[in-house]
Amino acid sequence: MEVLDIHKFSTPIVVISKCLGFEPCRYDGKMIFCDIIDKILPFIDVLPVCPECEIGLGVPRAPIRLVNGKTIRLVQTGTEQDITEKMQNFVNDFLDSLPEIDGFILKSKSPSCGFGNTKVFAFSDASKPLHRYGIGFLAKGIMDRFPGLPYIDEMSLMSPQLQEEFFTKLFLMADFRLHHNSIQELMEFHRRNKLLLMAYDLNKLKILGRILADNKQHLFSENVTNYARIIQEMTSETLLRTNIINAFMHAFGYFSKRLEHSKRHYILDSIEAYRLGNLTLKELRQVMIPCIVEFQVDYLMEQTLFHPYPENLYFSAPETGKI
């Protein structure tokens, strides 16, 4: 029996840049093929978007640039057309119209979609950029409007660590979105995700526990709002090895006394190897899961710490198409 077989994952709703495999809508009429995005499509619902096409720029088209005057402006090269207000209006309308959403995957380095890695120029036809740390207009709107949701670009998805963090938070947010319509659903969500939430922040996990324990003292809507706020606060931080190890050691305590000496030390040595950076989180899970199955620890078998997202997403990040 596989631990992962018993877990049914909620389907995240994800906004993705349309040029990442959906439509040849880049300024040069091309499309970027991203193997990682292709692999996650069966597990998510997608809302593709191309801000530049949405405001009427054709394909192909003269590129647009972030230009730094007194404020950041969006200017099309060659035509010198300032499309700042048109783009900002689209961003506001688009974000206002979104349904409940769980995350975002946007095109890196794009003047409309780049998350902090877009070139900024002194003027639209400058030969060299002032710097390469600009934020695209849609990306900026997302970061301001949805600070508690996961976002990433296709280049960052190539990093195994960033990929792990993004998928973990994405499926956690989708699970929460679909399981907070009653106090019973919220308690069940909390139970299944308890060790994963412990791996984020033990102190905030205790706050979540108190919200649930005292739920009758407040309106349900207040409990959900407070619970959501704390979850977004704790998951906005990077998962730390020390916190992850604490969660694994807590789980280890459920069956450690039932292990023979050699197996017990094998797991402890594996946790130490993870602490030193010699073992990945995926590999540490693979060490722990067989023991959970062997001893049929039902509570641990349902914990998302050991299966935070679908098993088929456990893959090494390949190269994307050249930009």
C-alpha atoms as a PDB file:
ATOM      1  CA  MET A   1       0.000   0.000   0.000  1.00  0.00           C
ATOM      2  CA  GLU A   2       1.314   3.472  -0.929  1.00  0.00           C
ATOM      3  CA  VAL A   3       0.817   6.323   1.504  1.00  0.00           C
ATOM      4  CA  LEU A   4       0.176   8.680  -1.380  1.00  0.00           C
ATOM      5  CA  ASP A   5      -2.678   6.538  -2.712  1.00  0.00           C
ATOM      6  CA  ILE A   6      -5.004   7.474   0.143  1.00  0.00           C
ATOM      7  CA  HIS A   7      -4.644  11.233  -0.286  1.00  0.00           C
ATOM      8  CA  LYS A   8      -6.981  13.090  -2.636  1.00  0.00           C
ATOM      9  CA  PHE A   9      -5.653  16.464  -3.668  1.00  0.00           C
ATOM     10  CA  SER A  10      -7.699  19.582  -4.178  1.00  0.00           C
ATOM     11  CA  THR A  11      -7.322  21.110  -7.643  1.00  0.00           C
ATOM     12  CA  PRO A  12      -5.567  24.489  -7.510  1.00  0.00           C
ATOM     13  CA  ILE A  13      -6.739  27.345  -9.724  1.00  0.00           C
ATOM     14  CA  VAL A  14      -3.643  28.983 -11.216  1.00  0.00           C
ATOM     15  CA  VAL A  15      -3.159  32.091 -13.358  1.00  0.00           C
ATOM     16  CA  ILE A  16      -0.407  31.384 -15.923  1.00  0.00           C
ATOM     17  CA  SER A  17       1.143  33.617 -18.575  1.00  0.00           C
ATOM     18  CA  LYS A  18      -0.402  32.604 -21.890  1.00  0.00           C
ATOM     19  CA  CYS A  19       2.971  32.576 -23.674  1.00  0.00           C
ATOM     20  CA  LEU A  20       4.145  29.665 -21.467  1.00  0.00           C
ATOM     21  CA  GLY A  21       2.891  26.947 -23.774  1.00  0.00           C
ATOM     22  CA  PHE A  22      -0.670  28.141 -24.416  1.00  0.00           C
ATOM     23  CA  GLU A  23      -0.423  30.594 -27.310  1.00  0.00           C
ATOM     24  CA  PRO A  24       2.357  32.191 -29.445  1.00  0.00           C
ATOM     25  CA  CYS A  25       1.656  35.667 -28.099  1.00  0.00           C
ATOM     26  CA  ARG A  26       5.126  37.005 -27.262  1.00  0.00           C
ATOM     27  CA  TYR A  27       6.275  40.206 -28.940  1.00  0.00           C
ATOM     28  CA  ASP A  28       8.237  38.124 -31.491  1.00  0.00           C
ATOM     29  CA  GLY A  29       5.308  35.800 -32.204  1.00  0.00           C
ATOM     30  CA  LYS A  30       6.890  32.893 -30.337  1.00  0.00           C
ATOM     31  CA  MET A  31       5.827  30.714 -27.423  1.00  0.00           C
ATOM     32  CA  ILE A  32       7.913  29.380 -24.532  1.00  0.00           C
ATOM     33  CA  PHE A  33       7.691  25.654 -23.892  1.00  0.00           C
ATOM     34  CA  CYS A  34       8.065  24.740 -20.214  1.00  0.00           C
ATOM     35  CA  ASP A  35       8.155  21.034 -19.426  1.00  0.00           C
ATOM     36  CA  ILE A  36       7.333  21.585 -15.767  1.00  0.00           C
ATOM     37  CA  ILE A  37       4.154  23.470 -16.611  1.00  0.00           C
ATOM     38  CA  ASP A  38       3.158  20.725 -19.068  1.00  0.00           C
ATOM     39  CA  LYS A  39       3.508  18.159 -16.269  1.00  0.00           C
ATOM     40  CA  ILE A  40       1.379  20.051 -13.769  1.00  0.00           C
ATOM     41  CA  LEU A  41      -1.515  20.771 -16.159  1.00  0.00           C
ATOM     42  CA  PRO A  42      -3.391  17.520 -15.322  1.00  0.00           C
ATOM     43  CA  PHE A  43      -3.448  18.562 -11.647  1.00  0.00           C
ATOM     44  CA  ILE A  44      -4.581  22.199 -11.916  1.00  0.00           C
ATOM     45  CA  ASP A  45      -7.208  24.452 -13.477  1.00  0.00           C
ATOM     46  CA  VAL A  46      -5.586  27.187 -15.559  1.00  0.00           C
ATOM     47  CA  LEU A  47      -6.529  30.799 -16.234  1.00  0.00           C
ATOM     48  CA  PRO A  48      -4.080  31.865 -18.999  1.00  0.00           C
ATOM     49  CA  VAL A  49      -3.490  35.565 -19.589  1.00  0.00           C
ATOM     50  CA  CYS A  50      -1.346  37.814 -21.781  1.00  0.00           C
ATOM     51  CA  PRO A  51      -1.627  41.390 -20.491  1.00  0.00           C
ATOM     52  CA  GLU A  52       0.001  42.870 -23.601  1.00  0.00           C
ATOM     53  CA  CYS A  53      -2.464  41.220 -25.965  1.00  0.00           C
ATOM     54  CA  GLU A  54      -5.350  42.111 -23.667  1.00  0.00           C
ATOM     55  CA  ILE A  55      -4.632  45.823 -24.052  1.00  0.00           C
ATOM     56  CA  GLY A  56      -4.603  45.544 -27.832  1.00  0.00           C
ATOM     57  CA  LEU A  57      -0.919  45.161 -28.714  1.00  0.00           C
ATOM     58  CA  GLY A  58      -0.593  42.902 -31.723  1.00  0.00           C
ATOM     59  CA  VAL A  59       1.528  39.834 -32.433  1.00  0.00           C
ATOM     60  CA  PRO A  60       4.254  40.369 -33.437  1.00  0.00           C
ATOM     61  CA  ARG A  61       4.777  43.806 -31.938  1.00  0.00           C
ATOM     62  CA  ALA A  62       7.472  46.255 -30.947  1.00  0.00           C
ATOM     63  CA  PRO A  63       8.717  45.306 -27.449  1.00  0.00           C
ATOM     64  CA  ILE A  64       7.649  47.268 -24.405  1.00  0.00           C
ATOM     65  CA  ARG A  65      10.001  48.407 -21.663  1.00  0.00           C
ATOM     66  CA  LEU A  66       9.897  49.540 -18.068  1.00  0.00           C
ATOM     67  CA  VAL A  67      11.218  53.113 -18.109  1.00  0.00           C
ATOM     68  CA  ASN A  68      12.256  54.856 -14.916  1.00  0.00           C
ATOM     69  CA  GLY A  69      11.424  58.544 -14.839  1.00  0.00           C
ATOM     70  CA  LYS A  70       9.842  60.019 -11.734  1.00  0.00           C
ATOM     71  CA  THR A  71       7.778  56.833 -11.693  1.00  0.00           C
ATOM     72  CA  ILE A  72       8.037  53.556 -13.562  1.00  0.00           C
ATOM     73  CA  ARG A  73       6.381  53.888 -16.954  1.00  0.00           C
ATOM     74  CA  LEU A  74       5.601  51.280 -19.590  1.00  0.00           C
ATOM     75  CA  VAL A  75       6.692  52.452 -23.035  1.00  0.00           C
ATOM     76  CA  GLN A  76       6.726  50.686 -26.401  1.00  0.00           C
ATOM     77  CA  THR A  77      10.038  50.938 -28.236  1.00  0.00           C
ATOM     78  CA  GLY A  78      10.017  52.535 -31.658  1.00  0.00           C
ATOM     79  CA  THR A  79       6.516  53.974 -31.365  1.00  0.00           C
ATOM     80  CA  GLU A  80       7.294  55.658 -28.003  1.00  0.00           C
ATOM     81  CA  GLN A  81       3.701  54.894 -27.044  1.00  0.00           C
ATOM     82  CA  ASP A  82       3.183  55.236 -23.283  1.00  0.00           C
ATOM     83  CA  ILE A  83       0.819  52.425 -22.297  1.00  0.00           C
ATOM     84  CA  THR A  84       1.183  52.783 -18.522  1.00  0.00           C
ATOM     85  CA  GLU A  85      -2.406  53.775 -17.763  1.00  0.00           C
ATOM     86  CA  LYS A  86      -3.872  51.293 -20.234  1.00  0.00           C
ATOM     87  CA  MET A  87      -1.883  48.443 -18.675  1.00  0.00           C
ATOM     88  CA  GLN A  88      -2.648  49.517 -15.109  1.00  0.00           C
ATOM     89  CA  ASN A  89      -6.360  49.680 -15.886  1.00  0.00           C
ATOM     90  CA  PHE A  90      -6.242  46.176 -17.343  1.00  0.00           C
ATOM     91  CA  VAL A  91      -4.380  44.833 -14.300  1.00  0.00           C
ATOM     92  CA  ASN A  92      -6.911  46.340 -11.915  1.00  0.00           C
ATOM     93  CA  ASP A  93      -9.883  45.033 -13.906  1.00  0.00           C
ATOM     94  CA  PHE A  94      -8.342  41.581 -14.365  1.00  0.00           C
ATOM     95  CA  LEU A  95      -7.507  41.107 -10.695  1.00  0.00           C
ATOM     96  CA  ASP A  96     -10.921  42.439  -9.672  1.00  0.00           C
ATOM     97  CA  SER A  97     -12.610  39.863 -11.896  1.00  0.00           C
ATOM     98  CA  LEU A  98     -10.677  36.811 -10.713  1.00  0.00           C
ATOM     99  CA  PRO A  99     -12.503  34.009  -8.913  1.00  0.00           C
ATOM    100  CA  GLU A 100     -10.935  32.558  -5.800  1.00  0.00           C
ATOM    101  CA  ILE A 101      -7.405  31.786  -6.918  1.00  0.00           C
ATOM    102  CA  ASP A 102      -4.596  29.680  -5.442  1.00  0.00           C
ATOM    103  CA  GLY A 103      -1.433  30.805  -7.196  1.00  0.00           C
ATOM    104  CA  PHE A 104       0.351  32.361 -10.153  1.00  0.00           C
ATOM    105  CA  ILE A 105       3.017  31.278 -12.661  1.00  0.00           C
ATOM    106  CA  LEU A 106       4.155  34.165 -14.830  1.00  0.00           C
ATOM    107  CA  LYS A 107       6.767  34.809 -17.520  1.00  0.00           C
ATOM    108  CA  SER A 108      10.146  35.815 -16.125  1.00  0.00           C
ATOM    109  CA  LYS A 109      11.791  39.118 -17.114  1.00  0.00           C
ATOM    110  CA  SER A 110       8.603  40.389 -18.755  1.00  0.00           C
ATOM    111  CA  PRO A 111       7.649  44.101 -18.413  1.00  0.00           C
ATOM    112  CA  SER A 112       4.114  42.965 -17.634  1.00  0.00           C
ATOM    113  CA  CYS A 113       4.764  39.700 -15.746  1.00  0.00           C
ATOM    114  CA  GLY A 114       8.291  39.630 -14.287  1.00  0.00           C
ATOM    115  CA  PHE A 115       8.556  39.116 -10.522  1.00  0.00           C
ATOM    116  CA  GLY A 116      11.546  41.363  -9.806  1.00  0.00           C
ATOM    117  CA  ASN A 117      13.855  40.327 -12.660  1.00  0.00           C
ATOM    118  CA  THR A 118      12.789  42.687 -15.468  1.00  0.00           C
ATOM    119  CA  LYS A 119      15.169  45.190 -17.056  1.00  0.00           C
ATOM    120  CA  VAL A 120      14.498  48.846 -16.281  1.00  0.00           C
ATOM    121  CA  PHE A 121      15.770  51.504 -18.692  1.00  0.00           C
ATOM    122  CA  ALA A 122      16.412  55.207 -18.340  1.00  0.00           C
ATOM    123  CA  PHE A 123      14.479  55.800 -21.582  1.00  0.00           C
ATOM    124  CA  SER A 124      12.767  53.528 -24.076  1.00  0.00           C
ATOM    125  CA  ASP A 125      15.596  53.336 -26.634  1.00  0.00           C
ATOM    126  CA  ALA A 126      18.500  53.127 -24.170  1.00  0.00           C
ATOM    127  CA  SER A 127      21.111  50.546 -25.195  1.00  0.00           C
ATOM    128  CA  LYS A 128      21.729  49.314 -21.650  1.00  0.00           C
ATOM    129  CA  PRO A 129      19.394  48.943 -18.664  1.00  0.00           C
ATOM    130  CA  LEU A 130      19.721  50.853 -15.414  1.00  0.00           C
ATOM    131  CA  HIS A 131      19.233  47.548 -13.586  1.00  0.00           C
ATOM    132  CA  ARG A 132      17.520  44.163 -13.918  1.00  0.00           C
ATOM    133  CA  TYR A 133      15.314  44.171 -10.824  1.00  0.00           C
ATOM    134  CA  GLY A 134      12.090  45.697 -12.123  1.00  0.00           C
ATOM    135  CA  ILE A 135       8.647  44.256 -11.446  1.00  0.00           C
ATOM    136  CA  GLY A 136       6.129  43.850 -14.246  1.00  0.00           C
ATOM    137  CA  PHE A 137       2.780  45.592 -13.913  1.00  0.00           C
ATOM    138  CA  LEU A 138       0.653  42.454 -13.520  1.00  0.00           C
ATOM    139  CA  ALA A 139       3.238  40.918 -11.199  1.00  0.00           C
ATOM    140  CA  LYS A 140       3.206  44.051  -9.031  1.00  0.00           C
ATOM    141  CA  GLY A 141      -0.573  43.970  -8.845  1.00  0.00           C
ATOM    142  CA  ILE A 142      -0.502  40.321  -7.782  1.00  0.00           C
ATOM    143  CA  MET A 143       2.143  40.914  -5.125  1.00  0.00           C
ATOM    144  CA  ASP A 144       0.168  43.847  -3.705  1.00  0.00           C
ATOM    145  CA  ARG A 145      -3.292  42.272  -3.972  1.00  0.00           C
ATOM    146  CA  PHE A 146      -2.504  38.655  -3.052  1.00  0.00           C
ATOM    147  CA  PRO A 147       0.523  38.712  -0.717  1.00  0.00           C
ATOM    148  CA  GLY A 148      -0.536  35.438   0.919  1.00  0.00           C
ATOM    149  CA  LEU A 149      -0.724  33.365  -2.281  1.00  0.00           C
ATOM    150  CA  PRO A 150       2.209  31.574  -3.941  1.00  0.00           C
ATOM    151  CA  TYR A 151       3.667  33.054  -7.109  1.00  0.00           C
ATOM    152  CA  ILE A 152       6.662  32.086  -9.230  1.00  0.00           C
ATOM    153  CA  ASP A 153       8.047  32.442 -12.755  1.00  0.00           C
ATOM    154  CA  GLU A 154       9.008  29.640 -15.103  1.00  0.00           C
ATOM    155  CA  MET A 155      12.742  30.178 -14.556  1.00  0.00           C
ATOM    156  CA  SER A 156      12.413  29.857 -10.776  1.00  0.00           C
ATOM    157  CA  LEU A 157      10.501  26.607 -11.307  1.00  0.00           C
ATOM    158  CA  MET A 158      13.829  25.162 -12.499  1.00  0.00           C
ATOM    159  CA  SER A 159      15.135  25.368  -8.920  1.00  0.00           C
ATOM    160  CA  PRO A 160      14.206  22.156  -7.037  1.00  0.00           C
ATOM    161  CA  GLN A 161      13.949  24.078  -3.755  1.00  0.00           C
ATOM    162  CA  LEU A 162      11.721  26.853  -5.134  1.00  0.00           C
ATOM    163  CA  GLN A 163       9.684  24.279  -7.021  1.00  0.00           C
ATOM    164  CA  GLU A 164       9.141  22.316  -3.785  1.00  0.00           C
ATOM    165  CA  GLU A 165       8.095  25.425  -1.875  1.00  0.00           C
ATOM    166  CA  PHE A 166       5.734  26.620  -4.615  1.00  0.00           C
ATOM    167  CA  PHE A 167       3.936  23.309  -5.113  1.00  0.00           C
ATOM    168  CA  THR A 168       3.658  22.734  -1.363  1.00  0.00           C
ATOM    169  CA  LYS A 169       2.028  26.085  -0.747  1.00  0.00           C
ATOM    170  CA  LEU A 170      -0.104  25.935  -3.910  1.00  0.00           C
ATOM    171  CA  PHE A 171      -1.814  22.682  -2.942  1.00  0.00           C
ATOM    172  CA  LEU A 172      -2.121  23.785   0.683  1.00  0.00           C
ATOM    173  CA  MET A 173      -3.924  26.964  -0.390  1.00  0.00           C
ATOM    174  CA  ALA A 174      -6.233  24.986  -2.704  1.00  0.00           C
ATOM    175  CA  ASP A 175      -7.017  22.558   0.112  1.00  0.00           C
ATOM    176  CA  PHE A 176      -7.869  25.430   2.431  1.00  0.00           C
ATOM    177  CA  ARG A 177     -10.030  27.184  -0.184  1.00  0.00           C
ATOM    178  CA  LEU A 178     -12.182  24.081  -0.583  1.00  0.00           C
ATOM    179  CA  HIS A 179     -12.381  23.111   3.095  1.00  0.00           C
ATOM    180  CA  HIS A 180     -13.393  26.119   5.171  1.00  0.00           C
ATOM    181  CA  ASN A 181     -17.157  26.166   4.729  1.00  0.00           C
ATOM    182  CA  SER A 182     -17.860  24.802   8.203  1.00  0.00           C
ATOM    183  CA  ILE A 183     -16.023  24.444  11.482  1.00  0.00           C
ATOM    184  CA  GLN A 184     -15.935  20.681  10.906  1.00  0.00           C
ATOM    185  CA  GLU A 185     -14.216  21.140   7.525  1.00  0.00           C
ATOM    186  CA  LEU A 186     -11.761  23.601   9.049  1.00  0.00           C
ATOM    187  CA  MET A 187     -10.898  21.204  11.868  1.00  0.00           C
ATOM    188  CA  GLU A 188     -10.393  18.363   9.395  1.00  0.00           C
ATOM    189  CA  PHE A 189      -8.129  20.574   7.266  1.00  0.00           C
ATOM    190  CA  HIS A 190      -6.154  21.459  10.364  1.00  0.00           C
ATOM    191  CA  ARG A 191      -5.784  17.828  11.401  1.00  0.00           C
ATOM    192  CA  ARG A 192      -4.502  16.648   8.014  1.00  0.00           C
ATOM    193  CA  ASN A 193      -2.114  19.577   7.596  1.00  0.00           C
ATOM    194  CA  LYS A 194      -0.953  19.868  11.192  1.00  0.00           C
ATOM    195  CA  LEU A 195       2.598  18.577  10.714  1.00  0.00           C
ATOM    196  CA  LEU A 196       3.094  20.575   7.524  1.00  0.00           C
ATOM    197  CA  LEU A 197       1.939  23.708   9.331  1.00  0.00           C
ATOM    198  CA  MET A 198       4.309  22.781  12.174  1.00  0.00           C
ATOM    199  CA  ALA A 199       7.114  22.719   9.621  1.00  0.00           C
ATOM    200  CA  TYR A 200       6.263  26.309   8.730  1.00  0.00           C
ATOM    201  CA  ASP A 201       5.919  27.802  12.214  1.00  0.00           C
ATOM    202  CA  LEU A 202       5.206  25.978  15.482  1.00  0.00           C
ATOM    203  CA  ASN A 203       4.197  29.124  17.361  1.00  0.00           C
ATOM    204  CA  LYS A 204       1.664  30.160  14.732  1.00  0.00           C
ATOM    205  CA  LEU A 205       0.388  26.580  14.625  1.00  0.00           C
ATOM    206  CA  LYS A 206      -0.490  26.989  18.300  1.00  0.00           C
ATOM    207  CA  ILE A 207      -2.401  30.187  17.452  1.00  0.00           C
ATOM    208  CA  LEU A 208      -4.370  28.270  14.811  1.00  0.00           C
ATOM    209  CA  GLY A 209      -5.147  25.620  17.398  1.00  0.00           C
ATOM    210  CA  ARG A 210      -6.499  28.232  19.792  1.00  0.00           C
ATOM    211  CA  ILE A 211      -8.715  29.716  17.053  1.00  0.00           C
ATOM    212  CA  LEU A 212     -10.301  26.291  16.594  1.00  0.00           C
ATOM    213  CA  ALA A 213     -10.496  25.502  20.307  1.00  0.00           C
ATOM    214  CA  ASP A 214     -12.275  28.808  21.022  1.00  0.00           C
ATOM    215  CA  ASN A 215     -14.429  28.757  17.871  1.00  0.00           C
ATOM    216  CA  LYS A 216     -17.731  29.011  19.757  1.00  0.00           C
ATOM    217  CA  GLN A 217     -16.718  32.368  21.192  1.00  0.00           C
ATOM    218  CA  HIS A 218     -16.721  34.021  17.748  1.00  0.00           C
ATOM    219  CA  LEU A 219     -18.705  34.040  14.528  1.00  0.00           C
ATOM    220  CA  PHE A 220     -17.604  31.353  12.094  1.00  0.00           C
ATOM    221  CA  SER A 221     -16.726  34.019   9.503  1.00  0.00           C
ATOM    222  CA  GLU A 222     -14.367  35.633  12.024  1.00  0.00           C
ATOM    223  CA  ASN A 223     -12.724  32.294  12.766  1.00  0.00           C
ATOM    224  CA  VAL A 224     -12.126  31.630   9.053  1.00  0.00           C
ATOM    225  CA  THR A 225     -10.760  35.134   8.473  1.00  0.00           C
ATOM    226  CA  ASN A 226      -8.364  34.873  11.415  1.00  0.00           C
ATOM    227  CA  TYR A 227      -7.310  31.338  10.484  1.00  0.00           C
ATOM    228  CA  ALA A 228      -6.654  32.362   6.857  1.00  0.00           C
ATOM    229  CA  ARG A 229      -4.632  35.384   7.943  1.00  0.00           C
ATOM    230  CA  ILE A 230      -2.356  33.292  10.170  1.00  0.00           C
ATOM    231  CA  ILE A 231      -1.856  30.627   7.478  1.00  0.00           C
ATOM    232  CA  GLN A 232      -0.874  33.266   4.941  1.00  0.00           C
ATOM    233  CA  GLU A 233       1.533  34.827   7.423  1.00  0.00           C
ATOM    234  CA  MET A 234       3.251  31.531   8.234  1.00  0.00           C
ATOM    235  CA  THR A 235       3.480  30.284   4.647  1.00  0.00           C
ATOM    236  CA  SER A 236       4.867  33.588   3.382  1.00  0.00           C
ATOM    237  CA  GLU A 237       8.177  32.586   4.970  1.00  0.00           C
ATOM    238  CA  THR A 238      10.595  30.047   3.517  1.00  0.00           C
ATOM    239  CA  LEU A 239      10.421  26.545   4.971  1.00  0.00           C
ATOM    240  CA  LEU A 240      13.409  26.219   7.321  1.00  0.00           C
ATOM    241  CA  ARG A 241      15.332  22.974   7.761  1.00  0.00           C
ATOM    242  CA  THR A 242      15.184  23.279  11.525  1.00  0.00           C
ATOM    243  CA  ASN A 243      11.381  23.538  11.482  1.00  0.00           C
ATOM    244  CA  ILE A 244      11.065  20.661   9.025  1.00  0.00           C
ATOM    245  CA  ILE A 245      13.320  18.498  11.201  1.00  0.00           C
ATOM    246  CA  ASN A 246      11.208  19.308  14.261  1.00  0.00           C
ATOM    247  CA  ALA A 247       8.087  18.153  12.405  1.00  0.00           C
ATOM    248  CA  PHE A 248       9.797  14.932  11.252  1.00  0.00           C
ATOM    249  CA  MET A 249      11.078  14.214  14.749  1.00  0.00           C
ATOM    250  CA  HIS A 250       7.555  14.724  16.082  1.00  0.00           C
ATOM    251  CA  ALA A 251       6.291  12.190  13.535  1.00  0.00           C
ATOM    252  CA  PHE A 252       9.181   9.832  14.336  1.00  0.00           C
ATOM    253  CA  GLY A 253       7.985   9.695  17.923  1.00  0.00           C
ATOM    254  CA  TYR A 254       4.798   7.905  16.844  1.00  0.00           C
ATOM    255  CA  PHE A 255       6.674   4.703  15.962  1.00  0.00           C
ATOM    256  CA  SER A 256      10.308   5.049  17.050  1.00  0.00           C
ATOM    257  CA  LYS A 257       9.960   2.642  20.009  1.00  0.00           C
ATOM    258  CA  ARG A 258       8.600  -0.038  17.682  1.00  0.00           C
ATOM    259  CA  LEU A 259      11.653   0.043  15.434  1.00  0.00           C
ATOM    260  CA  GLU A 260      14.608  -2.249  15.781  1.00  0.00           C
ATOM    261  CA  HIS A 261      17.883  -0.572  16.700  1.00  0.00           C
ATOM    262  CA  SER A 262      19.360  -0.457  13.195  1.00  0.00           C
ATOM    263  CA  LYS A 263      16.231   1.051  11.594  1.00  0.00           C
ATOM    264  CA  ARG A 264      15.900   3.638  14.328  1.00  0.00           C
ATOM    265  CA  HIS A 265      19.458   4.825  13.776  1.00  0.00           C
ATOM    266  CA  TYR A 266      19.011   4.750  10.016  1.00  0.00           C
ATOM    267  CA  ILE A 267      16.153   7.251  10.275  1.00  0.00           C
ATOM    268  CA  LEU A 268      18.024   9.436  12.756  1.00  0.00           C
ATOM    269  CA  ASP A 269      21.101   9.383  10.515  1.00  0.00           C
ATOM    270  CA  SER A 270      18.902  10.351   7.554  1.00  0.00           C
ATOM    271  CA  ILE A 271      17.439  13.294   9.464  1.00  0.00           C
ATOM    272  CA  GLU A 272      20.969  14.399  10.343  1.00  0.00           C
ATOM    273  CA  ALA A 273      22.001  14.045   6.687  1.00  0.00           C
ATOM    274  CA  TYR A 274      19.074  16.278   5.752  1.00  0.00           C
ATOM    275  CA  ARG A 275      20.137  18.818   8.378  1.00  0.00           C
ATOM    276  CA  LEU A 276      23.619  18.904   6.831  1.00  0.00           C
ATOM    277  CA  GLY A 277      22.222  19.312   3.335  1.00  0.00           C
ATOM    278  CA  ASN A 278      23.307  15.859   2.169  1.00  0.00           C
ATOM    279  CA  LEU A 279      19.750  14.605   1.732  1.00  0.00           C
ATOM    280  CA  THR A 280      16.812  16.329   0.034  1.00  0.00           C
ATOM    281  CA  LEU A 281      13.392  16.704   1.616  1.00  0.00           C
ATOM    282  CA  LYS A 282      12.000  14.311  -0.989  1.00  0.00           C
ATOM    283  CA  GLU A 283      14.612  11.711  -0.006  1.00  0.00           C
ATOM    284  CA  LEU A 284      13.888  12.194   3.681  1.00  0.00           C
ATOM    285  CA  ARG A 285      10.193  11.553   3.015  1.00  0.00           C
ATOM    286  CA  GLN A 286      11.110   8.358   1.174  1.00  0.00           C
ATOM    287  CA  VAL A 287      13.009   7.182   4.249  1.00  0.00           C
ATOM    288  CA  MET A 288      10.115   7.877   6.622  1.00  0.00           C
ATOM    289  CA  ILE A 289       7.117   6.750   4.562  1.00  0.00           C
ATOM    290  CA  PRO A 290       7.859   2.962   4.568  1.00  0.00           C
ATOM    291  CA  CYS A 291       7.874   2.948   8.379  1.00  0.00           C
ATOM    292  CA  ILE A 292       4.590   4.839   8.509  1.00  0.00           C
ATOM    293  CA  VAL A 293       3.086   2.239   6.193  1.00  0.00           C
ATOM    294  CA  GLU A 294       4.680  -0.700   8.025  1.00  0.00           C
ATOM    295  CA  PHE A 295       3.203   0.296  11.371  1.00  0.00           C
ATOM    296  CA  GLN A 296      -0.079   1.586   9.891  1.00  0.00           C
ATOM    297  CA  VAL A 297       0.058   4.910  11.721  1.00  0.00           C
ATOM    298  CA  ASP A 298      -3.212   6.254  10.351  1.00  0.00           C
ATOM    299  CA  TYR A 299      -2.665   9.804  11.601  1.00  0.00           C
ATOM    300  CA  LEU A 300       0.704  10.071   9.845  1.00  0.00           C
ATOM    301  CA  MET A 301      -0.523   8.362   6.686  1.00  0.00           C
ATOM    302  CA  GLU A 302      -2.927  11.255   6.138  1.00  0.00           C
ATOM    303  CA  GLN A 303      -0.451  14.020   6.973  1.00  0.00           C
ATOM    304  CA  THR A 304       0.341  16.306   4.036  1.00  0.00           C
ATOM    305  CA  LEU A 305       3.878  16.757   5.373  1.00  0.00           C
ATOM    306  CA  PHE A 306       4.652  13.444   3.679  1.00  0.00           C
ATOM    307  CA  HIS A 307       2.628  14.051   0.509  1.00  0.00           C
ATOM    308  CA  PRO A 308       2.132  17.816   0.063  1.00  0.00           C
ATOM    309  CA  TYR A 309       1.287  17.521  -3.644  1.00  0.00           C
ATOM    310  CA  PRO A 310       0.625  14.739  -6.177  1.00  0.00           C
ATOM    311  CA  GLU A 311       3.316  12.085  -6.467  1.00  0.00           C
ATOM    312  CA  ASN A 312       3.729  12.657 -10.209  1.00  0.00           C
ATOM    313  CA  LEU A 313       5.043  16.136  -9.458  1.00  0.00           C
ATOM    314  CA  TYR A 314       8.113  14.684  -7.736  1.00  0.00           C
ATOM    315  CA  PHE A 315      10.534  15.294 -10.576  1.00  0.00           C
ATOM    316  CA  SER A 316      13.776  17.140 -11.216  1.00  0.00           C
ATOM    317  CA  ALA A 317      13.352  20.509 -12.837  1.00  0.00           C
ATOM    318  CA  PRO A 318      14.356  20.387 -16.518  1.00  0.00           C
ATOM    319  CA  GLU A 319      15.513  23.276 -18.661  1.00  0.00           C
ATOM    320  CA  THR A 320      12.859  25.489 -20.176  1.00  0.00           C
ATOM    321  CA  GLY A 321      12.897  26.911 -23.683  1.00  0.00           C
ATOM    322  CA  LYS A 322      15.516  29.564 -24.252  1.00  0.00           C
ATOM    323  CA  ILE A 323      14.282  33.086 -23.686  1.00  0.00           C
END
